[in-house]
């Protein structure tokens, strides 16, 4: 009995260590497999990557890989911005929402997002 109790205790400890660091926070998942924490402000919503995101910048031999945490702002006027991508637009449909920039797109399928006054940002 003692051995099984110790095993049970070790399993419980292991599971608590493996629990998500952001339990209770609303997370979004991009098609690229990145996780983003959600928050909102008076201008709209903010998606901040949980882990660093790697993006390719440039073309040909001048291409470099930029790795850092990423913040995407979704405005209530259907505008979007990101330090990496610059400015763009966002919109939602029944299949999720998309953030579209001139140099790239970030997709969030099968997920709904609450952006204050953002109901008119329909695709």
PDB file of N, CA and C in Angstrom:
ATOM      1  N   UNK A   1       0.818  -1.195   0.000  1.00  0.00           N
ATOM      2  CA  UNK A   1       0.000   0.000   0.000  1.00  0.00           C
ATOM      3  C   UNK A   1       0.856   1.251   0.000  1.00  0.00           C
ATOM      4  N   UNK A   2       1.966   1.234   0.727  1.00  0.00           N
ATOM      5  CA  UNK A   2       2.826   2.402   0.782  1.00  0.00           C
ATOM      6  C   UNK A   2       3.389   2.737  -0.590  1.00  0.00           C
ATOM      7  N   UNK A   3       3.820   1.717  -1.324  1.00  0.00           N
ATOM      8  CA  UNK A   3       4.407   1.932  -2.650  1.00  0.00           C
ATOM      9  C   UNK A   3       3.417   2.552  -3.625  1.00  0.00           C
ATOM     10  N   UNK A   4       2.175   2.101  -3.619  1.00  0.00           N
ATOM     11  CA  UNK A   4       1.180   2.651  -4.535  1.00  0.00           C
ATOM     12  C   UNK A   4       0.798   4.076  -4.145  1.00  0.00           C
ATOM     13  N   UNK A   5       0.811   4.376  -2.841  1.00  0.00           N
ATOM     14  CA  UNK A   5       0.516   5.741  -2.394  1.00  0.00           C
ATOM     15  C   UNK A   5       1.601   6.704  -2.851  1.00  0.00           C
ATOM     16  N   UNK A   6       2.846   6.251  -2.794  1.00  0.00           N
ATOM     17  CA  UNK A   6       3.969   7.086  -3.250  1.00  0.00           C
ATOM     18  C   UNK A   6       3.872   7.311  -4.754  1.00  0.00           C
ATOM     19  N   UNK A   7       3.557   6.271  -5.508  1.00  0.00           N
ATOM     20  CA  UNK A   7       3.405   6.397  -6.959  1.00  0.00           C
ATOM     21  C   UNK A   7       2.289   7.387  -7.295  1.00  0.00           C
ATOM     22  N   UNK A   8       1.170   7.296  -6.579  1.00  0.00           N
ATOM     23  CA  UNK A   8       0.047   8.202  -6.798  1.00  0.00           C
ATOM     24  C   UNK A   8       0.461   9.642  -6.523  1.00  0.00           C
ATOM     25  N   UNK A   9       1.195   9.858  -5.441  1.00  0.00           N
ATOM     26  CA  UNK A   9       1.663  11.195  -5.096  1.00  0.00           C
ATOM     27  C   UNK A   9       2.606  11.731  -6.169  1.00  0.00           C
ATOM     28  N   UNK A  10       3.506  10.899  -6.663  1.00  0.00           N
ATOM     29  CA  UNK A  10       4.437  11.328  -7.719  1.00  0.00           C
ATOM     30  C   UNK A  10       3.698  11.688  -9.005  1.00  0.00           C
ATOM     31  N   UNK A  11       2.676  10.922  -9.341  1.00  0.00           N
ATOM     32  CA  UNK A  11       1.887  11.217 -10.544  1.00  0.00           C
ATOM     33  C   UNK A  11       1.164  12.553 -10.374  1.00  0.00           C
ATOM     34  N   UNK A  12       0.586  12.796  -9.196  1.00  0.00           N
ATOM     35  CA  UNK A  12      -0.113  14.062  -8.947  1.00  0.00           C
ATOM     36  C   UNK A  12       0.843  15.246  -9.049  1.00  0.00           C
ATOM     37  N   UNK A  13       2.041  15.099  -8.501  1.00  0.00           N
ATOM     38  CA  UNK A  13       3.037  16.169  -8.585  1.00  0.00           C
ATOM     39  C   UNK A  13       3.437  16.397 -10.035  1.00  0.00           C
ATOM     40  N   UNK A  14       3.658  15.329 -10.780  1.00  0.00           N
ATOM     41  CA  UNK A  14       4.044  15.457 -12.190  1.00  0.00           C
ATOM     42  C   UNK A  14       2.956  16.146 -12.999  1.00  0.00           C
ATOM     43  N   UNK A  15       1.707  15.806 -12.753  1.00  0.00           N
ATOM     44  CA  UNK A  15       0.610  16.436 -13.485  1.00  0.00           C
ATOM     45  C   UNK A  15       0.481  17.909 -13.139  1.00  0.00           C
ATOM     46  N   UNK A  16       0.713  18.281 -11.896  1.00  0.00           N
ATOM     47  CA  UNK A  16       0.604  19.692 -11.530  1.00  0.00           C
ATOM     48  C   UNK A  16       1.728  20.505 -12.144  1.00  0.00           C
ATOM     49  N   UNK A  17       2.913  19.908 -12.311  1.00  0.00           N
ATOM     50  CA  UNK A  17       4.022  20.608 -12.959  1.00  0.00           C
ATOM     51  C   UNK A  17       3.735  20.784 -14.441  1.00  0.00           C
ATOM     52  N   UNK A  18       3.106  19.774 -15.049  1.00  0.00           N
ATOM     53  CA  UNK A  18       2.830  19.818 -16.478  1.00  0.00           C
ATOM     54  C   UNK A  18       1.607  20.654 -16.825  1.00  0.00           C
ATOM     55  N   UNK A  19       0.866  21.148 -15.847  1.00  0.00           N
ATOM     56  CA  UNK A  19      -0.331  21.954 -16.111  1.00  0.00           C
ATOM     57  C   UNK A  19       0.053  23.224 -16.850  1.00  0.00           C
ATOM     58  N   UNK A  20      -0.803  23.737 -17.717  1.00  0.00           N
ATOM     59  CA  UNK A  20      -0.472  24.945 -18.474  1.00  0.00           C
ATOM     60  C   UNK A  20      -0.166  26.119 -17.550  1.00  0.00           C
ATOM     61  N   UNK A  21       0.852  26.870 -17.928  1.00  0.00           N
ATOM     62  CA  UNK A  21       1.258  28.019 -17.132  1.00  0.00           C
ATOM     63  C   UNK A  21       0.191  29.114 -17.161  1.00  0.00           C
ATOM     64  N   UNK A  22      -0.670  29.089 -18.168  1.00  0.00           N
ATOM     65  CA  UNK A  22      -1.651  30.143 -18.339  1.00  0.00           C
ATOM     66  C   UNK A  22      -3.063  29.646 -18.079  1.00  0.00           C
ATOM     67  N   UNK A  23      -3.194  28.707 -17.152  1.00  0.00           N
ATOM     68  CA  UNK A  23      -4.519  28.162 -16.828  1.00  0.00           C
ATOM     69  C   UNK A  23      -5.457  29.299 -16.437  1.00  0.00           C
ATOM     70  N   UNK A  24      -6.651  29.262 -16.968  1.00  0.00           N
ATOM     71  CA  UNK A  24      -7.630  30.291 -16.652  1.00  0.00           C
ATOM     72  C   UNK A  24      -7.617  31.452 -17.639  1.00  0.00           C
ATOM     73  N   UNK A  25      -6.554  31.620 -18.402  1.00  0.00           N
ATOM     74  CA  UNK A  25      -6.500  32.689 -19.400  1.00  0.00           C
ATOM     75  C   UNK A  25      -7.037  32.158 -20.718  1.00  0.00           C
ATOM     76  N   UNK A  26      -7.593  33.037 -21.511  1.00  0.00           N
ATOM     77  CA  UNK A  26      -8.123  32.661 -22.807  1.00  0.00           C
ATOM     78  C   UNK A  26      -6.972  32.593 -23.803  1.00  0.00           C
ATOM     79  N   UNK A  27      -6.801  31.427 -24.431  1.00  0.00           N
ATOM     80  CA  UNK A  27      -5.735  31.232 -25.407  1.00  0.00           C
ATOM     81  C   UNK A  27      -6.319  31.017 -26.796  1.00  0.00           C
ATOM     82  N   UNK A  28      -5.631  31.526 -27.789  1.00  0.00           N
ATOM     83  CA  UNK A  28      -5.968  31.309 -29.194  1.00  0.00           C
ATOM     84  C   UNK A  28      -4.815  30.586 -29.852  1.00  0.00           C
ATOM     85  N   UNK A  29      -5.129  29.764 -30.869  1.00  0.00           N
ATOM     86  CA  UNK A  29      -4.133  28.952 -31.543  1.00  0.00           C
ATOM     87  C   UNK A  29      -4.160  29.247 -33.037  1.00  0.00           C
ATOM     88  N   UNK A  30      -3.023  29.651 -33.577  1.00  0.00           N
ATOM     89  CA  UNK A  30      -2.942  29.951 -35.006  1.00  0.00           C
ATOM     90  C   UNK A  30      -2.739  28.661 -35.792  1.00  0.00           C
ATOM     91  N   UNK A  31      -2.950  28.736 -37.106  1.00  0.00           N
ATOM     92  CA  UNK A  31      -2.723  27.566 -37.955  1.00  0.00           C
ATOM     93  C   UNK A  31      -1.249  27.171 -37.974  1.00  0.00           C
ATOM     94  N   UNK A  32      -0.384  28.081 -37.571  1.00  0.00           N
ATOM     95  CA  UNK A  32       1.049  27.784 -37.517  1.00  0.00           C
ATOM     96  C   UNK A  32       1.434  27.083 -36.220  1.00  0.00           C
ATOM     97  N   UNK A  33       0.472  26.913 -35.318  1.00  0.00           N
ATOM     98  CA  UNK A  33       0.723  26.219 -34.063  1.00  0.00           C
ATOM     99  C   UNK A  33       1.172  27.116 -32.926  1.00  0.00           C
ATOM    100  N   UNK A  34       1.063  28.428 -33.092  1.00  0.00           N
ATOM    101  CA  UNK A  34       1.455  29.356 -32.034  1.00  0.00           C
ATOM    102  C   UNK A  34       0.271  29.631 -31.110  1.00  0.00           C
ATOM    103  N   UNK A  35       0.561  29.799 -29.833  1.00  0.00           N
ATOM    104  CA  UNK A  35      -0.463  30.126 -28.849  1.00  0.00           C
ATOM    105  C   UNK A  35      -0.372  31.616 -28.514  1.00  0.00           C
ATOM    106  N   UNK A  36      -1.544  32.235 -28.377  1.00  0.00           N
ATOM    107  CA  UNK A  36      -1.617  33.663 -28.069  1.00  0.00           C
ATOM    108  C   UNK A  36      -2.543  33.886 -26.884  1.00  0.00           C
ATOM    109  N   UNK A  37      -2.099  34.676 -25.913  1.00  0.00           N
ATOM    110  CA  UNK A  37      -2.944  35.096 -24.794  1.00  0.00           C
ATOM    111  C   UNK A  37      -3.806  36.264 -25.273  1.00  0.00           C
ATOM    112  N   UNK A  38      -5.043  36.276 -24.821  1.00  0.00           N
ATOM    113  CA  UNK A  38      -6.005  37.305 -25.213  1.00  0.00           C
ATOM    114  C   UNK A  38      -6.180  38.327 -24.099  1.00  0.00           C
ATOM    115  N   UNK A  39      -6.259  39.583 -24.495  1.00  0.00           N
ATOM    116  CA  UNK A  39      -6.698  40.648 -23.591  1.00  0.00           C
ATOM    117  C   UNK A  39      -7.383  41.691 -24.464  1.00  0.00           C
ATOM    118  N   UNK A  40      -8.072  42.616 -23.833  1.00  0.00           N
ATOM    119  CA  UNK A  40      -8.702  43.667 -24.624  1.00  0.00           C
ATOM    120  C   UNK A  40      -8.452  45.008 -23.961  1.00  0.00           C
ATOM    121  N   UNK A  41      -8.572  46.045 -24.779  1.00  0.00           N
ATOM    122  CA  UNK A  41      -8.450  47.408 -24.282  1.00  0.00           C
ATOM    123  C   UNK A  41      -9.519  48.255 -24.968  1.00  0.00           C
ATOM    124  N   UNK A  42      -9.502  49.553 -24.773  1.00  0.00           N
ATOM    125  CA  UNK A  42     -10.555  50.416 -25.325  1.00  0.00           C
ATOM    126  C   UNK A  42     -10.545  50.459 -26.854  1.00  0.00           C
ATOM    127  N   UNK A  43      -9.427  50.091 -27.473  1.00  0.00           N
ATOM    128  CA  UNK A  43      -9.315  50.135 -28.938  1.00  0.00           C
ATOM    129  C   UNK A  43      -9.636  48.813 -29.621  1.00  0.00           C
ATOM    130  N   UNK A  44      -9.716  47.715 -28.869  1.00  0.00           N
ATOM    131  CA  UNK A  44      -9.985  46.420 -29.465  1.00  0.00           C
ATOM    132  C   UNK A  44      -9.413  45.285 -28.643  1.00  0.00           C
ATOM    133  N   UNK A  45      -8.765  44.341 -29.304  1.00  0.00           N
ATOM    134  CA  UNK A  45      -8.210  43.163 -28.640  1.00  0.00           C
ATOM    135  C   UNK A  45      -6.717  43.065 -28.896  1.00  0.00           C
ATOM    136  N   UNK A  46      -6.050  42.354 -27.997  1.00  0.00           N
ATOM    137  CA  UNK A  46      -4.608  42.160 -28.104  1.00  0.00           C
ATOM    138  C   UNK A  46      -4.331  40.669 -28.004  1.00  0.00           C
ATOM    139  N   UNK A  47      -3.546  40.150 -28.930  1.00  0.00           N
ATOM    140  CA  UNK A  47      -3.091  38.770 -28.884  1.00  0.00           C
ATOM    141  C   UNK A  47      -1.573  38.802 -28.695  1.00  0.00           C
ATOM    142  N   UNK A  48      -1.104  38.217 -27.601  1.00  0.00           N
ATOM    143  CA  UNK A  48       0.326  38.219 -27.293  1.00  0.00           C
ATOM    144  C   UNK A  48       0.802  36.770 -27.255  1.00  0.00           C
ATOM    145  N   UNK A  49       1.806  36.438 -28.057  1.00  0.00           N
ATOM    146  CA  UNK A  49       2.260  35.051 -28.132  1.00  0.00           C
ATOM    147  C   UNK A  49       2.803  34.576 -26.792  1.00  0.00           C
ATOM    148  N   UNK A  50       2.467  33.352 -26.456  1.00  0.00           N
ATOM    149  CA  UNK A  50       2.928  32.740 -25.215  1.00  0.00           C
ATOM    150  C   UNK A  50       4.425  32.461 -25.300  1.00  0.00           C
ATOM    151  N   UNK A  51       4.871  31.967 -26.449  1.00  0.00           N
ATOM    152  CA  UNK A  51       6.274  31.637 -26.679  1.00  0.00           C
ATOM    153  C   UNK A  51       6.811  32.481 -27.837  1.00  0.00           C
ATOM    154  N   UNK A  52       8.122  32.549 -27.980  1.00  0.00           N
ATOM    155  CA  UNK A  52       8.676  33.269 -29.142  1.00  0.00           C
ATOM    156  C   UNK A  52       8.204  32.643 -30.454  1.00  0.00           C
ATOM    157  N   UNK A  53       7.987  33.480 -31.434  1.00  0.00           N
ATOM    158  CA  UNK A  53       7.530  33.088 -32.766  1.00  0.00           C
ATOM    159  C   UNK A  53       8.664  33.372 -33.743  1.00  0.00           C
ATOM    160  N   UNK A  54       8.927  32.449 -34.647  1.00  0.00           N
ATOM    161  CA  UNK A  54       9.959  32.660 -35.666  1.00  0.00           C
ATOM    162  C   UNK A  54       9.303  33.006 -36.989  1.00  0.00           C
ATOM    163  N   UNK A  55       9.767  34.072 -37.610  1.00  0.00           N
ATOM    164  CA  UNK A  55       9.257  34.528 -38.905  1.00  0.00           C
ATOM    165  C   UNK A  55      10.435  34.759 -39.847  1.00  0.00           C
ATOM    166  N   UNK A  56      10.199  34.541 -41.136  1.00  0.00           N
ATOM    167  CA  UNK A  56      11.208  34.820 -42.152  1.00  0.00           C
ATOM    168  C   UNK A  56      11.052  36.251 -42.647  1.00  0.00           C
ATOM    169  N   UNK A  57      12.160  36.969 -42.723  1.00  0.00           N
ATOM    170  CA  UNK A  57      12.145  38.360 -43.170  1.00  0.00           C
ATOM    171  C   UNK A  57      13.141  38.505 -44.320  1.00  0.00           C
ATOM    172  N   UNK A  58      12.674  39.120 -45.402  1.00  0.00           N
ATOM    173  CA  UNK A  58      13.533  39.324 -46.560  1.00  0.00           C
ATOM    174  C   UNK A  58      13.340  38.253 -47.610  1.00  0.00           C
ATOM    175  N   UNK A  59      14.168  38.316 -48.647  1.00  0.00           N
ATOM    176  CA  UNK A  59      14.078  37.364 -49.756  1.00  0.00           C
ATOM    177  C   UNK A  59      15.467  36.937 -50.179  1.00  0.00           C
ATOM    178  N   UNK A  60      15.538  35.740 -50.752  1.00  0.00           N
ATOM    179  CA  UNK A  60      16.795  35.240 -51.293  1.00  0.00           C
ATOM    180  C   UNK A  60      17.890  35.140 -50.245  1.00  0.00           C
ATOM    181  N   UNK A  61      19.100  35.508 -50.646  1.00  0.00           N
ATOM    182  CA  UNK A  61      20.257  35.414 -49.754  1.00  0.00           C
ATOM    183  C   UNK A  61      20.143  36.354 -48.560  1.00  0.00           C
ATOM    184  N   UNK A  62      19.322  37.381 -48.670  1.00  0.00           N
ATOM    185  CA  UNK A  62      19.171  38.353 -47.587  1.00  0.00           C
ATOM    186  C   UNK A  62      18.130  37.922 -46.547  1.00  0.00           C
ATOM    187  N   UNK A  63      17.557  36.727 -46.704  1.00  0.00           N
ATOM    188  CA  UNK A  63      16.539  36.263 -45.770  1.00  0.00           C
ATOM    189  C   UNK A  63      17.149  36.009 -44.404  1.00  0.00           C
ATOM    190  N   UNK A  64      16.456  36.484 -43.383  1.00  0.00           N
ATOM    191  CA  UNK A  64      16.878  36.215 -42.010  1.00  0.00           C
ATOM    192  C   UNK A  64      15.688  35.695 -41.229  1.00  0.00           C
ATOM    193  N   UNK A  65      15.965  35.010 -40.142  1.00  0.00           N
ATOM    194  CA  UNK A  65      14.911  34.501 -39.267  1.00  0.00           C
ATOM    195  C   UNK A  65      14.852  35.397 -38.046  1.00  0.00           C
ATOM    196  N   UNK A  66      13.666  35.941 -37.789  1.00  0.00           N
ATOM    197  CA  UNK A  66      13.440  36.807 -36.637  1.00  0.00           C
ATOM    198  C   UNK A  66      12.628  36.002 -35.629  1.00  0.00           C
ATOM    199  N   UNK A  67      13.160  35.850 -34.420  1.00  0.00           N
ATOM    200  CA  UNK A  67      12.478  35.088 -33.373  1.00  0.00           C
ATOM    201  C   UNK A  67      12.284  35.977 -32.152  1.00  0.00           C
ATOM    202  N   UNK A  68      11.022  36.157 -31.769  1.00  0.00           N
ATOM    203  CA  UNK A  68      10.684  36.961 -30.582  1.00  0.00           C
ATOM    204  C   UNK A  68       9.209  36.759 -30.258  1.00  0.00           C
ATOM    205  N   UNK A  69       8.812  37.188 -29.071  1.00  0.00           N
ATOM    206  CA  UNK A  69       7.383  37.130 -28.772  1.00  0.00           C
ATOM    207  C   UNK A  69       6.685  38.141 -29.678  1.00  0.00           C
ATOM    208  N   UNK A  70       5.460  37.835 -29.996  1.00  0.00           N
ATOM    209  CA  UNK A  70       4.733  38.619 -30.990  1.00  0.00           C
ATOM    210  C   UNK A  70       3.443  39.150 -30.384  1.00  0.00           C
ATOM    211  N   UNK A  71       3.133  40.388 -30.683  1.00  0.00           N
ATOM    212  CA  UNK A  71       1.868  40.978 -30.260  1.00  0.00           C
ATOM    213  C   UNK A  71       1.117  41.442 -31.495  1.00  0.00           C
ATOM    214  N   UNK A  72      -0.141  41.028 -31.587  1.00  0.00           N
ATOM    215  CA  UNK A  72      -1.012  41.425 -32.695  1.00  0.00           C
ATOM    216  C   UNK A  72      -2.184  42.201 -32.104  1.00  0.00           C
ATOM    217  N   UNK A  73      -2.393  43.398 -32.611  1.00  0.00           N
ATOM    218  CA  UNK A  73      -3.489  44.254 -32.153  1.00  0.00           C
ATOM    219  C   UNK A  73      -4.619  44.184 -33.167  1.00  0.00           C
ATOM    220  N   UNK A  74      -5.842  43.936 -32.692  1.00  0.00           N
ATOM    221  CA  UNK A  74      -7.036  43.902 -33.539  1.00  0.00           C
ATOM    222  C   UNK A  74      -7.915  45.076 -33.135  1.00  0.00           C
ATOM    223  N   UNK A  75      -8.071  46.030 -34.028  1.00  0.00           N
ATOM    224  CA  UNK A  75      -8.839  47.225 -33.724  1.00  0.00           C
ATOM    225  C   UNK A  75     -10.319  47.058 -33.970  1.00  0.00           C
ATOM    226  N   UNK A  76     -11.115  47.865 -33.281  1.00  0.00           N
ATOM    227  CA  UNK A  76     -12.570  47.794 -33.454  1.00  0.00           C
ATOM    228  C   UNK A  76     -13.008  48.373 -34.796  1.00  0.00           C
ATOM    229  N   UNK A  77     -12.098  48.983 -35.546  1.00  0.00           N
ATOM    230  CA  UNK A  77     -12.388  49.476 -36.896  1.00  0.00           C
ATOM    231  C   UNK A  77     -11.880  48.494 -37.956  1.00  0.00           C
ATOM    232  N   UNK A  78     -11.687  47.231 -37.563  1.00  0.00           N
ATOM    233  CA  UNK A  78     -11.223  46.160 -38.442  1.00  0.00           C
ATOM    234  C   UNK A  78      -9.760  46.344 -38.872  1.00  0.00           C
ATOM    235  N   UNK A  79      -9.043  47.216 -38.202  1.00  0.00           N
ATOM    236  CA  UNK A  79      -7.625  47.409 -38.480  1.00  0.00           C
ATOM    237  C   UNK A  79      -6.817  46.468 -37.599  1.00  0.00           C
ATOM    238  N   UNK A  80      -5.595  46.184 -38.023  1.00  0.00           N
ATOM    239  CA  UNK A  80      -4.702  45.308 -37.268  1.00  0.00           C
ATOM    240  C   UNK A  80      -3.293  45.856 -37.354  1.00  0.00           C
ATOM    241  N   UNK A  81      -2.493  45.541 -36.356  1.00  0.00           N
ATOM    242  CA  UNK A  81      -1.088  45.935 -36.418  1.00  0.00           C
ATOM    243  C   UNK A  81      -0.237  44.944 -35.647  1.00  0.00           C
ATOM    244  N   UNK A  82       1.010  44.886 -36.065  1.00  0.00           N
ATOM    245  CA  UNK A  82       1.991  43.991 -35.475  1.00  0.00           C
ATOM    246  C   UNK A  82       3.357  44.616 -35.704  1.00  0.00           C
ATOM    247  N   UNK A  83       4.251  44.477 -34.739  1.00  0.00           N
ATOM    248  CA  UNK A  83       5.593  45.030 -34.914  1.00  0.00           C
ATOM    249  C   UNK A  83       6.288  44.390 -36.110  1.00  0.00           C
ATOM    250  N   UNK A  84       6.102  43.086 -36.302  1.00  0.00           N
ATOM    251  CA  UNK A  84       6.758  42.393 -37.407  1.00  0.00           C
ATOM    252  C   UNK A  84       6.085  42.683 -38.750  1.00  0.00           C
ATOM    253  N   UNK A  85       4.753  42.545 -38.822  1.00  0.00           N
ATOM    254  CA  UNK A  85       4.027  42.653 -40.090  1.00  0.00           C
ATOM    255  C   UNK A  85       3.648  44.081 -40.470  1.00  0.00           C
ATOM    256  N   UNK A  86       3.589  44.981 -39.518  1.00  0.00           N
ATOM    257  CA  UNK A  86       3.131  46.339 -39.803  1.00  0.00           C
ATOM    258  C   UNK A  86       1.630  46.443 -39.626  1.00  0.00           C
ATOM    259  N   UNK A  87       0.968  47.193 -40.528  1.00  0.00           N
ATOM    260  CA  UNK A  87      -0.475  47.381 -40.412  1.00  0.00           C
ATOM    261  C   UNK A  87      -1.225  46.538 -41.436  1.00  0.00           C
ATOM    262  N   UNK A  88      -2.444  46.182 -41.065  1.00  0.00           N
ATOM    263  CA  UNK A  88      -3.280  45.371 -41.945  1.00  0.00           C
ATOM    264  C   UNK A  88      -4.718  45.441 -41.497  1.00  0.00           C
ATOM    265  N   UNK A  89      -5.456  44.383 -41.768  1.00  0.00           N
ATOM    266  CA  UNK A  89      -6.868  44.311 -41.406  1.00  0.00           C
ATOM    267  C   UNK A  89      -7.160  42.943 -40.791  1.00  0.00           C
ATOM    268  N   UNK A  90      -8.302  42.850 -40.147  1.00  0.00           N
ATOM    269  CA  UNK A  90      -8.750  41.564 -39.629  1.00  0.00           C
ATOM    270  C   UNK A  90     -10.241  41.439 -39.859  1.00  0.00           C
ATOM    271  N   UNK A  91     -10.717  40.191 -39.860  1.00  0.00           N
ATOM    272  CA  UNK A  91     -12.140  39.942 -40.013  1.00  0.00           C
ATOM    273  C   UNK A  91     -12.487  38.554 -39.522  1.00  0.00           C
ATOM    274  N   UNK A  92     -13.755  38.355 -39.270  1.00  0.00           N
ATOM    275  CA  UNK A  92     -14.216  37.076 -38.769  1.00  0.00           C
ATOM    276  C   UNK A  92     -15.280  36.500 -39.687  1.00  0.00           C
ATOM    277  N   UNK A  93     -15.445  35.198 -39.604  1.00  0.00           N
ATOM    278  CA  UNK A  93     -16.507  34.474 -40.300  1.00  0.00           C
ATOM    279  C   UNK A  93     -16.878  33.292 -39.411  1.00  0.00           C
ATOM    280  N   UNK A  94     -17.822  32.494 -39.853  1.00  0.00           N
ATOM    281  CA  UNK A  94     -18.221  31.340 -39.046  1.00  0.00           C
ATOM    282  C   UNK A  94     -17.070  30.367 -38.828  1.00  0.00           C
ATOM    283  N   UNK A  95     -16.085  30.388 -39.703  1.00  0.00           N
ATOM    284  CA  UNK A  95     -14.969  29.448 -39.607  1.00  0.00           C
ATOM    285  C   UNK A  95     -13.795  29.963 -38.809  1.00  0.00           C
ATOM    286  N   UNK A  96     -13.908  31.104 -38.132  1.00  0.00           N
ATOM    287  CA  UNK A  96     -12.803  31.639 -37.351  1.00  0.00           C
ATOM    288  C   UNK A  96     -12.533  33.085 -37.717  1.00  0.00           C
ATOM    289  N   UNK A  97     -11.310  33.543 -37.461  1.00  0.00           N
ATOM    290  CA  UNK A  97     -10.948  34.902 -37.850  1.00  0.00           C
ATOM    291  C   UNK A  97      -9.553  34.916 -38.446  1.00  0.00           C
ATOM    292  N   UNK A  98      -9.302  35.923 -39.272  1.00  0.00           N
ATOM    293  CA  UNK A  98      -8.056  36.045 -40.030  1.00  0.00           C
ATOM    294  C   UNK A  98      -7.507  37.446 -39.848  1.00  0.00           C
ATOM    295  N   UNK A  99      -6.193  37.526 -39.666  1.00  0.00           N
ATOM    296  CA  UNK A  99      -5.502  38.804 -39.603  1.00  0.00           C
ATOM    297  C   UNK A  99      -4.630  38.869 -40.854  1.00  0.00           C
ATOM    298  N   UNK A 100      -4.909  39.840 -41.715  1.00  0.00           N
ATOM    299  CA  UNK A 100      -4.265  39.908 -43.028  1.00  0.00           C
ATOM    300  C   UNK A 100      -3.370  41.140 -43.120  1.00  0.00           C
ATOM    301  N   UNK A 101      -2.100  40.897 -43.394  1.00  0.00           N
ATOM    302  CA  UNK A 101      -1.116  41.956 -43.582  1.00  0.00           C
ATOM    303  C   UNK A 101      -0.576  41.880 -45.005  1.00  0.00           C
ATOM    304  N   UNK A 102      -0.025  42.960 -45.550  1.00  0.00           N
ATOM    305  CA  UNK A 102       0.537  42.898 -46.904  1.00  0.00           C
ATOM    306  C   UNK A 102       1.637  41.841 -47.051  1.00  0.00           C
ATOM    307  N   UNK A 103       2.338  41.526 -45.959  1.00  0.00           N
ATOM    308  CA  UNK A 103       3.455  40.579 -46.056  1.00  0.00           C
ATOM    309  C   UNK A 103       3.169  39.221 -45.413  1.00  0.00           C
ATOM    310  N   UNK A 104       1.944  38.983 -44.968  1.00  0.00           N
ATOM    311  CA  UNK A 104       1.625  37.691 -44.370  1.00  0.00           C
ATOM    312  C   UNK A 104       0.237  37.675 -43.754  1.00  0.00           C
ATOM    313  N   UNK A 105      -0.210  36.486 -43.419  1.00  0.00           N
ATOM    314  CA  UNK A 105      -1.531  36.285 -42.847  1.00  0.00           C
ATOM    315  C   UNK A 105      -1.419  35.363 -41.636  1.00  0.00           C
ATOM    316  N   UNK A 106      -2.170  35.680 -40.593  1.00  0.00           N
ATOM    317  CA  UNK A 106      -2.241  34.817 -39.416  1.00  0.00           C
ATOM    318  C   UNK A 106      -3.697  34.384 -39.290  1.00  0.00           C
ATOM    319  N   UNK A 107      -3.920  33.066 -39.292  1.00  0.00           N
ATOM    320  CA  UNK A 107      -5.278  32.520 -39.267  1.00  0.00           C
ATOM    321  C   UNK A 107      -5.562  31.826 -37.930  1.00  0.00           C
ATOM    322  N   UNK A 108      -6.794  31.970 -37.478  1.00  0.00           N
ATOM    323  CA  UNK A 108      -7.252  31.345 -36.248  1.00  0.00           C
ATOM    324  C   UNK A 108      -8.548  30.601 -36.548  1.00  0.00           C
ATOM    325  N   UNK A 109      -8.458  29.381 -37.080  1.00  0.00           N
ATOM    326  CA  UNK A 109      -9.664  28.653 -37.474  1.00  0.00           C
ATOM    327  C   UNK A 109     -10.459  28.140 -36.277  1.00  0.00           C
ATOM    328  N   UNK A 110     -11.784  28.063 -36.472  1.00  0.00           N
ATOM    329  CA  UNK A 110     -12.709  27.492 -35.492  1.00  0.00           C
ATOM    330  C   UNK A 110     -12.649  28.191 -34.133  1.00  0.00           C
ATOM    331  N   UNK A 111     -12.332  29.482 -34.145  1.00  0.00           N
ATOM    332  CA  UNK A 111     -12.254  30.237 -32.901  1.00  0.00           C
ATOM    333  C   UNK A 111     -12.963  31.573 -33.082  1.00  0.00           C
ATOM    334  N   UNK A 112     -13.643  31.999 -32.054  1.00  0.00           N
ATOM    335  CA  UNK A 112     -14.305  33.303 -32.070  1.00  0.00           C
ATOM    336  C   UNK A 112     -13.540  34.231 -31.148  1.00  0.00           C
ATOM    337  N   UNK A 113     -13.525  35.512 -31.487  1.00  0.00           N
ATOM    338  CA  UNK A 113     -12.820  36.480 -30.657  1.00  0.00           C
ATOM    339  C   UNK A 113     -13.742  37.638 -30.319  1.00  0.00           C
ATOM    340  N   UNK A 114     -13.605  38.133 -29.115  1.00  0.00           N
ATOM    341  CA  UNK A 114     -14.411  39.249 -28.647  1.00  0.00           C
ATOM    342  C   UNK A 114     -13.584  40.523 -28.805  1.00  0.00           C
ATOM    343  N   UNK A 115     -13.932  41.307 -29.809  1.00  0.00           N
ATOM    344  CA  UNK A 115     -13.312  42.608 -30.015  1.00  0.00           C
ATOM    345  C   UNK A 115     -14.417  43.633 -29.827  1.00  0.00           C
ATOM    346  N   UNK A 116     -14.258  44.560 -28.863  1.00  0.00           N
ATOM    347  CA  UNK A 116     -15.307  45.547 -28.651  1.00  0.00           C
ATOM    348  C   UNK A 116     -15.708  46.240 -29.966  1.00  0.00           C
ATOM    349  N   UNK A 117     -16.998  46.233 -30.271  1.00  0.00           N
ATOM    350  CA  UNK A 117     -17.554  46.814 -31.493  1.00  0.00           C
ATOM    351  C   UNK A 117     -17.012  46.180 -32.767  1.00  0.00           C
ATOM    352  N   UNK A 118     -16.513  44.966 -32.684  1.00  0.00           N
ATOM    353  CA  UNK A 118     -15.917  44.308 -33.850  1.00  0.00           C
ATOM    354  C   UNK A 118     -16.852  43.420 -34.640  1.00  0.00           C
ATOM    355  N   UNK A 119     -18.136  43.429 -34.303  1.00  0.00           N
ATOM    356  CA  UNK A 119     -19.083  42.572 -35.013  1.00  0.00           C
ATOM    357  C   UNK A 119     -19.207  42.939 -36.488  1.00  0.00           C
ATOM    358  N   UNK A 120     -18.907  44.177 -36.860  1.00  0.00           N
ATOM    359  CA  UNK A 120     -19.024  44.575 -38.261  1.00  0.00           C
ATOM    360  C   UNK A 120     -17.796  44.158 -39.080  1.00  0.00           C
ATOM    361  N   UNK A 121     -16.779  43.561 -38.466  1.00  0.00           N
ATOM    362  CA  UNK A 121     -15.569  43.147 -39.170  1.00  0.00           C
ATOM    363  C   UNK A 121     -15.749  41.749 -39.767  1.00  0.00           C
ATOM    364  N   UNK A 122     -16.789  41.620 -40.538  1.00  0.00           N
ATOM    365  CA  UNK A 122     -17.140  40.314 -41.110  1.00  0.00           C
ATOM    366  C   UNK A 122     -16.437  40.141 -42.443  1.00  0.00           C
ATOM    367  N   UNK A 123     -15.930  38.912 -42.677  1.00  0.00           N
ATOM    368  CA  UNK A 123     -15.262  38.612 -43.960  1.00  0.00           C
ATOM    369  C   UNK A 123     -16.280  38.394 -45.053  1.00  0.00           C
TER     370      UNK A 123
END
